Structures are given as C-alpha cells and as structure tokens.
C-alpha atoms as a PDB file:
ATOM      1  CA  MET A   1      14.027 -10.080  17.444  1.00  0.00           C
ATOM      2  CA  TRP A   2      12.672 -13.112  15.792  1.00  0.00           C
ATOM      3  CA  VAL A   3       9.971 -11.543  13.676  1.00  0.00           C
ATOM      4  CA  LEU A   4      12.591  -9.723  11.332  1.00  0.00           C
ATOM      5  CA  PRO A   5      14.605 -13.015  10.208  1.00  0.00           C
ATOM      6  CA  LEU A   6      11.096 -14.518   9.773  1.00  0.00           C
ATOM      7  CA  ILE A   7      10.321 -11.533   7.377  1.00  0.00           C
ATOM      8  CA  TRP A   8      13.496 -12.273   5.327  1.00  0.00           C
ATOM      9  CA  PHE A   9      12.760 -16.051   5.346  1.00  0.00           C
ATOM     10  CA  GLY A  10       9.279 -15.430   4.075  1.00  0.00           C
ATOM     11  CA  SER A  11      10.535 -12.896   1.420  1.00  0.00           C
ATOM     12  CA  ALA A  12      13.138 -15.245   0.176  1.00  0.00           C
ATOM     13  CA  VAL A  13      10.554 -18.110   0.023  1.00  0.00           C
ATOM     14  CA  ALA A  14       8.178 -15.945  -1.912  1.00  0.00           C
ATOM     15  CA  ALA A  15      10.921 -14.863  -4.299  1.00  0.00           C
ATOM     16  CA  TYR A  16      11.838 -18.518  -4.881  1.00  0.00           C
ATOM     17  CA  ILE A  17       8.217 -19.408  -5.735  1.00  0.00           C
ATOM     18  CA  TYR A  18       7.889 -16.371  -7.992  1.00  0.00           C
ATOM     19  CA  SER A  19      11.043 -17.085  -9.737  1.00  0.00           C
ATOM     20  CA  ARG A  20      10.114 -20.837 -10.384  1.00  0.00           C
ATOM     21  CA  GLN A  21       6.664 -19.834 -11.532  1.00  0.00           C
ATOM     22  CA  TYR A  22       7.847 -17.284 -14.131  1.00  0.00           C
ATOM     23  CA  HIS A  23      11.020 -19.183 -15.083  1.00  0.00           C
ATOM     24  CA  ILE A  24      13.514 -16.576 -13.843  1.00  0.00           C
ATOM     25  CA  PRO A  25      17.040 -17.570 -13.865  1.00  0.00           C
ATOM     26  CA  SER A  26      18.322 -18.348 -10.460  1.00  0.00           C
ATOM     27  CA  ASN A  27      21.253 -16.037 -10.684  1.00  0.00           C
ATOM     28  CA  LEU A  28      19.042 -13.102 -11.474  1.00  0.00           C
ATOM     29  CA  ALA A  29      16.663 -13.856  -8.714  1.00  0.00           C
ATOM     30  CA  LEU A  30      19.496 -14.165  -6.248  1.00  0.00           C
ATOM     31  CA  ALA A  31      20.783 -10.861  -7.405  1.00  0.00           C
ATOM     32  CA  ALA A  32      17.801  -9.093  -6.982  1.00  0.00           C
ATOM     33  CA  LEU A  33      16.877 -10.507  -3.603  1.00  0.00           C
ATOM     34  CA  PRO A  34      19.178  -8.233  -1.454  1.00  0.00           C
ATOM     35  CA  ALA A  35      17.339  -4.995  -2.554  1.00  0.00           C
ATOM     36  CA  PHE A  36      14.145  -6.655  -1.870  1.00  0.00           C
ATOM     37  CA  LEU A  37      15.085  -7.659   1.645  1.00  0.00           C
ATOM     38  CA  LEU A  38      16.283  -4.178   2.186  1.00  0.00           C
ATOM     39  CA  GLU A  39      13.044  -2.488   1.300  1.00  0.00           C
ATOM     40  CA  ALA A  40      11.295  -5.438   3.264  1.00  0.00           C
ATOM     41  CA  THR A  41      13.370  -4.389   6.279  1.00  0.00           C
ATOM     42  CA  PHE A  42      12.509  -0.648   6.041  1.00  0.00           C
ATOM     43  CA  TYR A  43       8.825  -1.478   5.150  1.00  0.00           C
ATOM     44  CA  PHE A  44       8.734  -3.822   8.399  1.00  0.00           C
ATOM     45  CA  ALA A  45       9.936  -0.869  10.525  1.00  0.00           C
ATOM     46  CA  LEU A  46       7.120   1.324   9.391  1.00  0.00           C
ATOM     47  CA  GLY A  47       4.658  -1.030  11.160  1.00  0.00           C
ATOM     48  CA  GLN A  48       6.425  -1.323  14.339  1.00  0.00           C
ATOM     49  CA  GLU A  49       5.216   1.380  16.943  1.00  0.00           C
ATOM     50  CA  ARG A  50       8.293   0.879  19.181  1.00  0.00           C
ATOM     51  CA  TRP A  51      10.605   1.541  16.225  1.00  0.00           C
ATOM     52  CA  ARG A  52       8.780   4.543  15.147  1.00  0.00           C
ATOM     53  CA  ALA A  53       8.718   5.733  18.729  1.00  0.00           C
ATOM     54  CA  ARG A  54      12.402   5.768  18.846  1.00  0.00           C
ATOM     55  CA  LEU A  55      12.834   7.421  15.502  1.00  0.00           C
ATOM     56  CA  GLU A  56      10.299  10.079  16.671  1.00  0.00           C
ATOM     57  CA  ARG A  57      12.571  11.137  19.546  1.00  0.00           C
ATOM     58  CA  LEU A  58      14.837  12.703  17.081  1.00  0.00           C
ATOM     59  CA  PRO A  59      14.097  16.143  15.650  1.00  0.00           C
ATOM     60  CA  PRO A  60      11.677  16.306  12.671  1.00  0.00           C
ATOM     61  CA  ALA A  61      14.491  17.407  10.388  1.00  0.00           C
ATOM     62  CA  ALA A  62      16.720  14.498  11.449  1.00  0.00           C
ATOM     63  CA  VAL A  63      13.693  12.047  10.841  1.00  0.00           C
ATOM     64  CA  ALA A  64      13.133  13.438   7.378  1.00  0.00           C
ATOM     65  CA  LEU A  65      16.826  13.089   6.502  1.00  0.00           C
ATOM     66  CA  ILE A  66      16.882   9.531   7.516  1.00  0.00           C
ATOM     67  CA  LEU A  67      13.702   8.758   5.413  1.00  0.00           C
ATOM     68  CA  THR A  68      15.222  10.551   2.309  1.00  0.00           C
ATOM     69  CA  LEU A  69      18.598   8.448   2.469  1.00  0.00           C
ATOM     70  CA  SER A  70      16.687   5.233   3.138  1.00  0.00           C
ATOM     71  CA  ALA A  71      14.735   5.815  -0.224  1.00  0.00           C
ATOM     72  CA  ALA A  72      17.988   5.516  -2.229  1.00  0.00           C
ATOM     73  CA  ALA A  73      19.192   2.272  -0.562  1.00  0.00           C
ATOM     74  CA  PRO A  74      16.964  -0.335  -2.352  1.00  0.00           C
ATOM     75  CA  TYR A  75      17.652   1.432  -5.623  1.00  0.00           C
ATOM     76  CA  CYS A  76      21.457   1.272  -5.055  1.00  0.00           C
ATOM     77  CA  ALA A  77      21.391  -2.288  -4.157  1.00  0.00           C
ATOM     78  CA  ALA A  78      19.317  -3.350  -7.342  1.00  0.00           C
ATOM     79  CA  ALA A  79      21.266  -0.942  -9.778  1.00  0.00           C
ATOM     80  CA  LEU A  80      24.669  -1.890  -8.609  1.00  0.00           C
ATOM     81  CA  ALA A  81      23.628  -5.632  -8.844  1.00  0.00           C
ATOM     82  CA  PHE A  82      22.571  -5.287 -12.404  1.00  0.00           C
ATOM     83  CA  GLY A  83      24.639  -2.582 -13.539  1.00  0.00           C
ATOM     84  CA  PHE A  84      21.996   0.169 -14.420  1.00  0.00           C
ATOM     85  CA  PHE A  85      23.277   2.586 -11.758  1.00  0.00           C
ATOM     86  CA  ARG A  86      22.974   6.331 -12.806  1.00  0.00           C
ATOM     87  CA  TRP A  87      23.698   9.329 -10.749  1.00  0.00           C
ATOM     88  CA  GLN A  88      20.896  11.054 -12.395  1.00  0.00           C
ATOM     89  CA  SER A  89      18.487   8.435 -11.266  1.00  0.00           C
ATOM     90  CA  LEU A  90      19.912   8.535  -7.584  1.00  0.00           C
ATOM     91  CA  ALA A  91      19.377  12.391  -7.514  1.00  0.00           C
ATOM     92  CA  ALA A  92      15.783  11.977  -8.803  1.00  0.00           C
ATOM     93  CA  ILE A  93      14.972   9.434  -6.092  1.00  0.00           C
ATOM     94  CA  LEU A  94      16.568  11.511  -3.349  1.00  0.00           C
ATOM     95  CA  GLY A  95      14.923  14.740  -4.735  1.00  0.00           C
ATOM     96  CA  LEU A  96      11.405  13.166  -4.597  1.00  0.00           C
ATOM     97  CA  ALA A  97      12.017  11.377  -1.404  1.00  0.00           C
ATOM     98  CA  GLY A  98      13.321  14.535   0.062  1.00  0.00           C
ATOM     99  CA  VAL A  99      10.240  16.750  -0.941  1.00  0.00           C
ATOM    100  CA  ALA A 100       7.954  14.153   0.730  1.00  0.00           C
ATOM    101  CA  SER A 101      10.086  13.713   3.829  1.00  0.00           C
ATOM    102  CA  PHE A 102      10.706  17.319   4.675  1.00  0.00           C
ATOM    103  CA  TRP A 103       7.128  18.538   3.649  1.00  0.00           C
ATOM    104  CA  TYR A 104       6.162  18.836   7.235  1.00  0.00           C
ATOM    105  CA  VAL A 105       9.371  20.169   8.417  1.00  0.00           C
ATOM    106  CA  LEU A 106       9.066  23.151   6.180  1.00  0.00           C
ATOM    107  CA  LEU A 107       5.131  23.512   5.918  1.00  0.00           C
ATOM    108  CA  PRO A 108       2.544  23.896   8.634  1.00  0.00           C
ATOM    109  CA  LYS A 109       0.452  20.983   9.690  1.00  0.00           C
ATOM    110  CA  LYS A 110      -2.686  22.286   8.458  1.00  0.00           C
ATOM    111  CA  GLY A 111      -5.241  21.560   5.846  1.00  0.00           C
ATOM    112  CA  ALA A 112      -3.974  23.211   2.890  1.00  0.00           C
ATOM    113  CA  ALA A 113      -0.522  21.484   3.305  1.00  0.00           C
ATOM    114  CA  ASP A 114      -2.303  18.202   3.821  1.00  0.00           C
ATOM    115  CA  ILE A 115      -4.209  18.238   0.657  1.00  0.00           C
ATOM    116  CA  LEU A 116      -1.171  19.385  -1.376  1.00  0.00           C
ATOM    117  CA  PHE A 117       0.809  16.587   0.126  1.00  0.00           C
ATOM    118  CA  ILE A 118      -1.694  13.967  -0.908  1.00  0.00           C
ATOM    119  CA  VAL A 119      -1.894  15.483  -4.460  1.00  0.00           C
ATOM    120  CA  PHE A 120       1.919  15.364  -4.708  1.00  0.00           C
ATOM    121  CA  MET A 121       2.292  11.654  -3.520  1.00  0.00           C
ATOM    122  CA  ALA A 122      -0.675  10.593  -5.604  1.00  0.00           C
ATOM    123  CA  ALA A 123       0.729  12.312  -8.653  1.00  0.00           C
ATOM    124  CA  VAL A 124       4.167  10.867  -8.446  1.00  0.00           C
ATOM    125  CA  PHE A 125       2.631   7.390  -7.838  1.00  0.00           C
ATOM    126  CA  LEU A 126      -0.052   7.525 -10.577  1.00  0.00           C
ATOM    127  CA  ALA A 127       2.699   9.039 -13.050  1.00  0.00           C
ATOM    128  CA  ASN A 128       4.855   5.855 -12.316  1.00  0.00           C
ATOM    129  CA  LEU A 129       8.114   8.077 -12.250  1.00  0.00           C
ATOM    130  CA  GLU A 130      10.057   5.333 -10.585  1.00  0.00           C
ATOM    131  CA  ARG A 131       9.701   3.233 -13.730  1.00  0.00           C
ATOM    132  CA  ARG A 132      12.241   5.541 -15.443  1.00  0.00           C
ATOM    133  CA  GLU A 133      14.768   4.844 -12.879  1.00  0.00           C
ATOM    134  CA  TYR A 134      14.855   0.966 -12.764  1.00  0.00           C
ATOM    135  CA  ILE A 135      15.705  -1.262 -15.608  1.00  0.00           C
ATOM    136  CA  ASP A 136      14.190  -4.753 -15.597  1.00  0.00           C
ATOM    137  CA  PRO A 137      16.842  -7.513 -16.106  1.00  0.00           C
ATOM    138  CA  TYR A 138      14.322 -10.027 -17.206  1.00  0.00           C
ATOM    139  CA  PRO A 139      10.704 -10.379 -18.161  1.00  0.00           C
ATOM    140  CA  LYS A 140       8.497 -10.563 -14.883  1.00  0.00           C
ATOM    141  CA  LEU A 141      11.343  -9.438 -12.863  1.00  0.00           C
ATOM    142  CA  THR A 142       9.981  -5.883 -12.457  1.00  0.00           C
ATOM    143  CA  LEU A 143      12.231  -3.907 -10.307  1.00  0.00           C
ATOM    144  CA  ASP A 144      10.165  -0.816 -10.310  1.00  0.00           C
ATOM    145  CA  VAL A 145       8.115  -2.411  -7.443  1.00  0.00           C
ATOM    146  CA  LEU A 146      10.687  -1.505  -5.168  1.00  0.00           C
ATOM    147  CA  GLY A 147      10.140   2.123  -6.089  1.00  0.00           C
ATOM    148  CA  LYS A 148       6.368   1.790  -5.427  1.00  0.00           C
ATOM    149  CA  VAL A 149       6.870   0.289  -2.149  1.00  0.00           C
ATOM    150  CA  MET A 150       9.292   2.824  -1.208  1.00  0.00           C
ATOM    151  CA  TRP A 151       6.977   5.734  -2.110  1.00  0.00           C
ATOM    152  CA  ILE A 152       4.205   4.181   0.025  1.00  0.00           C
ATOM    153  CA  ARG A 153       6.703   3.961   2.965  1.00  0.00           C
ATOM    154  CA  ILE A 154       8.129   7.322   2.661  1.00  0.00           C
ATOM    155  CA  GLY A 155       4.665   8.807   2.530  1.00  0.00           C
ATOM    156  CA  ALA A 156       3.402   6.901   5.532  1.00  0.00           C
ATOM    157  CA  PHE A 157       6.613   7.624   7.542  1.00  0.00           C
ATOM    158  CA  ALA A 158       6.198  11.212   6.643  1.00  0.00           C
ATOM    159  CA  MET A 159       2.671  11.334   7.974  1.00  0.00           C
ATOM    160  CA  LEU A 160       3.134   9.149  11.083  1.00  0.00           C
ATOM    161  CA  SER A 161       6.612  10.280  12.199  1.00  0.00           C
ATOM    162  CA  VAL A 162       7.112  13.813  10.905  1.00  0.00           C
ATOM    163  CA  ARG A 163       3.413  15.244  10.862  1.00  0.00           C
ATOM    164  CA  ARG A 164       2.574  12.911  13.858  1.00  0.00           C
ATOM    165  CA  MET A 165      -0.833  11.880  12.575  1.00  0.00           C
ATOM    166  CA  LYS A 166      -2.933  10.311  15.126  1.00  0.00           C
ATOM    167  CA  GLY A 167      -6.237   8.089  15.179  1.00  0.00           C
ATOM    168  CA  VAL A 168      -5.056   5.944  12.239  1.00  0.00           C
ATOM    169  CA  GLY A 169      -4.562   2.514  13.886  1.00  0.00           C
ATOM    170  CA  PHE A 170      -1.523   1.853  11.669  1.00  0.00           C
ATOM    171  CA  GLY A 171      -0.028  -1.524  11.737  1.00  0.00           C
ATOM    172  CA  PHE A 172       0.535  -4.818   9.741  1.00  0.00           C
ATOM    173  CA  TRP A 173      -1.260  -7.240  12.029  1.00  0.00           C
ATOM    174  CA  PRO A 174      -4.854  -6.636  13.140  1.00  0.00           C
ATOM    175  CA  LYS A 175      -5.982  -7.270  16.652  1.00  0.00           C
ATOM    176  CA  ARG A 176      -8.622 -10.042  17.363  1.00  0.00           C
ATOM    177  CA  ARG A 177     -11.529  -7.314  17.370  1.00  0.00           C
ATOM    178  CA  GLU A 178     -10.358  -5.778  14.161  1.00  0.00           C
ATOM    179  CA  TRP A 179     -10.180  -9.159  12.463  1.00  0.00           C
ATOM    180  CA  ILE A 180     -13.836  -9.781  13.540  1.00  0.00           C
ATOM    181  CA  ILE A 181     -14.849  -6.175  12.331  1.00  0.00           C
ATOM    182  CA  GLY A 182     -13.191  -6.559   9.149  1.00  0.00           C
ATOM    183  CA  LEU A 183     -14.637 -10.076   8.440  1.00  0.00           C
ATOM    184  CA  ALA A 184     -18.037  -8.938   9.430  1.00  0.00           C
ATOM    185  CA  TYR A 185     -18.289  -5.954   7.044  1.00  0.00           C
ATOM    186  CA  PHE A 186     -16.895  -8.196   4.261  1.00  0.00           C
ATOM    187  CA  VAL A 187     -19.733 -10.710   4.796  1.00  0.00           C
ATOM    188  CA  VAL A 188     -22.268  -7.684   4.939  1.00  0.00           C
ATOM    189  CA  PHE A 189     -20.629  -6.324   1.702  1.00  0.00           C
ATOM    190  CA  LEU A 190     -21.199  -9.368  -0.229  1.00  0.00           C
ATOM    191  CA  PRO A 191     -25.054  -8.904  -1.165  1.00  0.00           C
ATOM    192  CA  ALA A 192     -24.355  -5.277  -1.887  1.00  0.00           C
ATOM    193  CA  ALA A 193     -21.537  -6.398  -4.144  1.00  0.00           C
ATOM    194  CA  VAL A 194     -23.823  -8.772  -5.983  1.00  0.00           C
ATOM    195  CA  LEU A 195     -26.439  -6.042  -6.480  1.00  0.00           C
ATOM    196  CA  ALA A 196     -23.807  -3.537  -7.669  1.00  0.00           C
ATOM    197  CA  ASP A 197     -22.297  -6.075 -10.067  1.00  0.00           C
ATOM    198  CA  TRP A 198     -25.751  -6.723 -11.649  1.00  0.00           C
ATOM    199  CA  ALA A 199     -26.460  -3.123 -11.948  1.00  0.00           C
ATOM    200  CA  VAL A 200     -23.189  -2.088 -13.580  1.00  0.00           C
ATOM    201  CA  GLY A 201     -22.311  -5.451 -15.398  1.00  0.00           C
ATOM    202  CA  PHE A 202     -19.031  -5.441 -13.657  1.00  0.00           C
ATOM    203  CA  GLY A 203     -18.074  -8.976 -14.281  1.00  0.00           C
ATOM    204  CA  SER A 204     -19.110 -12.780 -14.359  1.00  0.00           C
ATOM    205  CA  PRO A 205     -18.092 -15.051 -11.497  1.00  0.00           C
ATOM    206  CA  HIS A 206     -16.223 -18.184 -12.242  1.00  0.00           C
ATOM    207  CA  MET A 207     -14.756 -20.952 -10.260  1.00  0.00           C
ATOM    208  CA  PRO A 208     -10.884 -21.182 -10.141  1.00  0.00           C
ATOM    209  CA  ALA A 209      -9.055 -23.914 -11.567  1.00  0.00           C
ATOM    210  CA  PRO A 210      -9.420 -27.144  -9.709  1.00  0.00           C
ATOM    211  CA  GLY A 211      -6.954 -28.093  -6.983  1.00  0.00           C
ATOM    212  CA  TRP A 212      -7.741 -26.923  -3.215  1.00  0.00           C
ATOM    213  CA  THR A 213      -4.137 -26.906  -2.305  1.00  0.00           C
ATOM    214  CA  ARG A 214      -3.322 -24.567  -5.265  1.00  0.00           C
ATOM    215  CA  ILE A 215      -6.508 -22.475  -4.410  1.00  0.00           C
ATOM    216  CA  GLY A 216      -5.463 -22.378  -0.854  1.00  0.00           C
ATOM    217  CA  VAL A 217      -1.888 -21.237  -1.488  1.00  0.00           C
ATOM    218  CA  LEU A 218      -3.013 -18.740  -4.067  1.00  0.00           C
ATOM    219  CA  GLY A 219      -5.749 -17.314  -1.710  1.00  0.00           C
ATOM    220  CA  LEU A 220      -3.398 -16.970   1.193  1.00  0.00           C
ATOM    221  CA  GLY A 221      -0.735 -15.365  -0.801  1.00  0.00           C
ATOM    222  CA  THR A 222      -3.006 -13.002  -2.346  1.00  0.00           C
ATOM    223  CA  PHE A 223      -4.729 -12.055   0.819  1.00  0.00           C
ATOM    224  CA  PHE A 224      -1.526 -11.349   2.812  1.00  0.00           C
ATOM    225  CA  GLY A 225       0.057  -9.509  -0.173  1.00  0.00           C
ATOM    226  CA  VAL A 226      -2.899  -7.387  -0.405  1.00  0.00           C
ATOM    227  CA  LEU A 227      -3.288  -6.870   3.316  1.00  0.00           C
ATOM    228  CA  TRP A 228       0.262  -5.648   3.786  1.00  0.00           C
ATOM    229  CA  VAL A 229       0.920  -3.606   0.672  1.00  0.00           C
ATOM    230  CA  LEU A 230      -2.298  -2.666  -1.313  1.00  0.00           C
ATOM    231  CA  ALA A 231      -4.804  -2.533   1.448  1.00  0.00           C
ATOM    232  CA  LEU A 232      -2.402  -0.881   3.899  1.00  0.00           C
ATOM    233  CA  GLY A 233      -1.449   1.828   1.518  1.00  0.00           C
ATOM    234  CA  GLU A 234      -4.993   2.660   0.230  1.00  0.00           C
ATOM    235  CA  GLU A 235      -6.632   2.326   3.561  1.00  0.00           C
ATOM    236  CA  PHE A 236      -4.177   4.641   5.372  1.00  0.00           C
ATOM    237  CA  LEU A 237      -4.774   7.239   2.593  1.00  0.00           C
ATOM    238  CA  PHE A 238      -8.487   7.078   2.102  1.00  0.00           C
ATOM    239  CA  ARG A 239      -9.670   6.020   5.539  1.00  0.00           C
ATOM    240  CA  GLY A 240      -6.908   6.929   7.863  1.00  0.00           C
ATOM    241  CA  LEU A 241      -6.252  10.339   6.461  1.00  0.00           C
ATOM    242  CA  LEU A 242      -9.098  11.421   3.948  1.00  0.00           C
ATOM    243  CA  GLN A 243     -12.173  10.085   5.891  1.00  0.00           C
ATOM    244  CA  GLN A 244     -10.820  11.645   8.997  1.00  0.00           C
ATOM    245  CA  TRP A 245      -9.925  15.063   7.640  1.00  0.00           C
ATOM    246  CA  ILE A 246     -13.073  15.352   5.639  1.00  0.00           C
ATOM    247  CA  GLY A 247     -15.337  14.494   8.501  1.00  0.00           C
ATOM    248  CA  GLN A 248     -13.360  17.027  10.790  1.00  0.00           C
ATOM    249  CA  TRP A 249     -13.570  19.836   8.117  1.00  0.00           C
ATOM    250  CA  LEU A 250     -17.183  19.306   7.517  1.00  0.00           C
ATOM    251  CA  LYS A 251     -17.944  18.458  11.142  1.00  0.00           C
ATOM    252  CA  ASN A 252     -19.701  15.233   9.975  1.00  0.00           C
ATOM    253  CA  GLU A 253     -18.029  12.034   9.989  1.00  0.00           C
ATOM    254  CA  TRP A 254     -20.810  10.301   7.836  1.00  0.00           C
ATOM    255  CA  THR A 255     -20.029  12.909   5.138  1.00  0.00           C
ATOM    256  CA  GLY A 256     -16.408  12.086   5.420  1.00  0.00           C
ATOM    257  CA  LEU A 257     -17.045   8.509   5.042  1.00  0.00           C
ATOM    258  CA  ALA A 258     -19.245   9.146   1.916  1.00  0.00           C
ATOM    259  CA  LEU A 259     -16.804  11.548   0.264  1.00  0.00           C
ATOM    260  CA  ALA A 260     -13.897   9.456   0.763  1.00  0.00           C
ATOM    261  CA  SER A 261     -15.589   6.498  -0.650  1.00  0.00           C
ATOM    262  CA  MET A 262     -16.520   8.654  -3.726  1.00  0.00           C
ATOM    263  CA  LEU A 263     -12.723   9.551  -4.032  1.00  0.00           C
ATOM    264  CA  PHE A 264     -11.663   5.895  -3.646  1.00  0.00           C
ATOM    265  CA  GLY A 265     -13.832   4.915  -6.404  1.00  0.00           C
ATOM    266  CA  LEU A 266     -12.601   7.692  -8.790  1.00  0.00           C
ATOM    267  CA  ALA A 267      -9.124   6.645  -7.985  1.00  0.00           C
ATOM    268  CA  HIS A 268      -9.880   3.495  -9.889  1.00  0.00           C
ATOM    269  CA  LEU A 269     -11.009   5.267 -13.100  1.00  0.00           C
ATOM    270  CA  TRP A 270      -7.588   4.337 -14.690  1.00  0.00           C
ATOM    271  CA  LEU A 271      -7.538   0.865 -13.816  1.00  0.00           C
ATOM    272  CA  HIS A 272      -7.266  -1.658 -16.809  1.00  0.00           C
ATOM    273  CA  ALA A 273      -8.904   0.828 -19.373  1.00  0.00           C
ATOM    274  CA  PHE A 274      -9.614   4.721 -19.089  1.00  0.00           C
ATOM    275  CA  PRO A 275     -12.457   5.640 -18.142  1.00  0.00           C
ATOM    276  CA  ASN A 276     -13.456   2.457 -16.271  1.00  0.00           C
ATOM    277  CA  TRP A 277     -16.689   3.620 -14.705  1.00  0.00           C
ATOM    278  CA  ARG A 278     -17.685   0.104 -13.670  1.00  0.00           C
ATOM    279  CA  MET A 279     -14.645  -0.278 -11.492  1.00  0.00           C
ATOM    280  CA  VAL A 280     -15.415   3.209 -10.126  1.00  0.00           C
ATOM    281  CA  ALA A 281     -18.884   2.171  -9.068  1.00  0.00           C
ATOM    282  CA  MET A 282     -17.754  -1.145  -7.523  1.00  0.00           C
ATOM    283  CA  ALA A 283     -14.792   0.408  -5.577  1.00  0.00           C
ATOM    284  CA  ALA A 284     -17.010   3.224  -4.346  1.00  0.00           C
ATOM    285  CA  VAL A 285     -19.532   0.801  -2.959  1.00  0.00           C
ATOM    286  CA  ALA A 286     -16.705  -1.422  -1.480  1.00  0.00           C
ATOM    287  CA  GLY A 287     -15.201   1.882   0.044  1.00  0.00           C
ATOM    288  CA  VAL A 288     -18.305   2.502   1.908  1.00  0.00           C
ATOM    289  CA  PHE A 289     -17.943  -0.853   3.745  1.00  0.00           C
ATOM    290  CA  TYR A 290     -14.167  -0.147   4.183  1.00  0.00           C
ATOM    291  CA  GLY A 291     -15.094   3.133   5.773  1.00  0.00           C
ATOM    292  CA  LEU A 292     -17.560   1.455   8.062  1.00  0.00           C
ATOM    293  CA  ALA A 293     -15.106  -0.979   9.319  1.00  0.00           C
ATOM    294  CA  PHE A 294     -12.639   1.781   9.986  1.00  0.00           C
ATOM    295  CA  ARG A 295     -15.318   3.874  11.724  1.00  0.00           C
ATOM    296  CA  GLN A 296     -16.291   1.089  14.125  1.00  0.00           C
ATOM    297  CA  ALA A 297     -12.682  -0.136  15.055  1.00  0.00           C
ATOM    298  CA  ARG A 298     -11.122   3.487  14.710  1.00  0.00           C
ATOM    299  CA  SER A 299      -8.250   1.588  13.087  1.00  0.00           C
ATOM    300  CA  ILE A 300      -7.245   1.048   9.412  1.00  0.00           C
ATOM    301  CA  ARG A 301      -6.334  -2.604  10.387  1.00  0.00           C
ATOM    302  CA  ALA A 302     -10.016  -3.624  10.401  1.00  0.00           C
ATOM    303  CA  SER A 303     -10.695  -1.923   7.026  1.00  0.00           C
ATOM    304  CA  MET A 304      -7.587  -3.661   5.490  1.00  0.00           C
ATOM    305  CA  VAL A 305      -9.171  -6.947   6.382  1.00  0.00           C
ATOM    306  CA  THR A 306     -12.344  -6.052   4.585  1.00  0.00           C
ATOM    307  CA  HIS A 307     -10.287  -4.746   1.696  1.00  0.00           C
ATOM    308  CA  ALA A 308      -8.044  -7.614   1.396  1.00  0.00           C
ATOM    309  CA  LEU A 309     -10.720 -10.325   1.595  1.00  0.00           C
ATOM    310  CA  THR A 310     -12.607  -8.307  -1.132  1.00  0.00           C
ATOM    311  CA  VAL A 311      -9.667  -8.079  -3.437  1.00  0.00           C
ATOM    312  CA  THR A 312      -8.858 -11.826  -2.782  1.00  0.00           C
ATOM    313  CA  ALA A 313     -12.419 -12.851  -3.561  1.00  0.00           C
ATOM    314  CA  TRP A 314     -12.314 -10.738  -6.764  1.00  0.00           C
ATOM    315  CA  LYS A 315      -9.097 -12.234  -7.940  1.00  0.00           C
ATOM    316  CA  LEU A 316     -10.084 -15.725  -7.196  1.00  0.00           C
ATOM    317  CA  PHE A 317     -13.769 -15.716  -8.352  1.00  0.00           C
ATOM    318  CA  PHE A 318     -14.107 -13.188 -10.972  1.00  0.00           C
END
C-alpha cells in the first residue's frame, strides 16, 4: 500500500514548510507530527471505499465503538507530547464522538433523526468546543485543528458506515469526468461571481505578490488543502446530504438545490464579522454552481473541484 506512506511523507513535508514559514522550533514541530500523522491516517481511511467496506462488515454498534475510540487517539498523542493531558478532556472528546458515532445505532434512519444529527454536528463545530481541550504550545502551532478534522471525519464515517448513506460519491480524488464537470462549472461561475461581487461590493481584486514559483506553490497548496478538507466536508454536508434530502422530501431536486444553496450561504454569516451578509450572498451564488456540478456528476467530488477552485481564486486574487 504505497499511498499511505506517500500521505505520511506529504504531511511531514507540509509540516516542515509550515514550521519554517512561521518560525516554529523544530523540536515542537516534531513533537506535534505524530498526532497529525495519526489523524491523517484515519482521515485517509475515510476516503477509501475498500477500507470502509471492510469496516461495514461489522455490526453497526462495533463500527460506532471503533469510531468513538479513534476520536481520542490524536488528542492523546498531542496531549502526552506537550503535557496538557486531562482525563476530563478525554472524557469530553469520547462523549461527543460517542453521541455522533452511536446516533444511528440508537435512532431510526429517518428525516427527523437526520435533521437533528446535522444540527448537533454543526453546533459542536461552530461552538469550537474542541478548542477547550487543546492547548497550543506555540503561536501558529494550533493543535485544535486536530479536533476539527476529527469531527468532520467522525460525522462523515457515521453517515457513510453506520447510516449507510448512498448516492454521495464520497472520495478524495475525482475521476476524469468529475474534474471536467467541476472545472466547467467554475468557469461558468466566474461571470456570475463578477456580477454578484459588483452588486454586493464583496471585495476588490488584486494581483498576488510577484513570483510565479511562489504563486504556483501557494495555489497548489491552497487548492488541495481546500479540496481534501474544507470542500470535502462542506460539499458532503450541503450537496451530498442536504441537497439530496430536501429534493427527496419536497419531490423536486431543483428546490433541493436552491434551498441547500441558501443554507450554504447562511452558514457563512459568522465568517470574519457577524453579520457578514456580503459573504452570505456570494456563498449562496457559489453554492448554486456547486449544486449544479453535484447534480450533473451525481458525486460531491465534482462539486469539490468547483469549490476548491473558487476558494483558491478568492485567496489568491481577492
């Protein structure tokens, strides 16, 4: 299995570049690395259909128990390395992960339970509860990102391997057709983005600092970072789950697309400054094109490409 060592190597290289950029002492970066490699391994397993299929041969309760215990491993690795381990924190992480993991073991796989699950997962994420359990050993060495990634992983695993949600197209690497669809909707979105930006006064475009090598490295790093974490998590929730569910409940997939896009926009109300209505408007418009990519490909991997290209362009040129 050559992919997993490649993930470890890439994570180590990214950690080295990040530590050099923010002048993090090498001993602290090395101490944090095992926890990040551990979470990267669990997160990588999420995107492997063969691995998930093996896990799903177990009874749902056994799957939920494994997910719950895996949530604590990165915290333990980081807390023991930096000396901030607390039994209360471990219990809190296990408790929250246990609720998410056993949700569909104890509750029916129906609309009301689905809505409550989404509300619970979003509330924990937005409340930044994991921030209380992690102590940053150095400025810019923010260990609570381990908790955020863990929470995305637990929620996705609970939906895919306990509830057995279908029709999502979950995965890290898009197929050729999904790359093409995702890129096409990004290109179509650009004129709509310009009009929306002009209408709401979202921001002023600018050229990044000179240096094509720097721009290329920054662009690639931003794109794949967004693709595999931010876009994957948000597209799974808003397109893979909500857009499908709302379309099924209302028996109209276009209504599902529109309402999911509106909810996606509203989720950005707290970004940077509350209430950020400009961001809400821009995100809602972008969500329409993400939803169109998902609808055509029947896979969130296509909408992830549109999403990641959009965020990368925003980071580089706005």
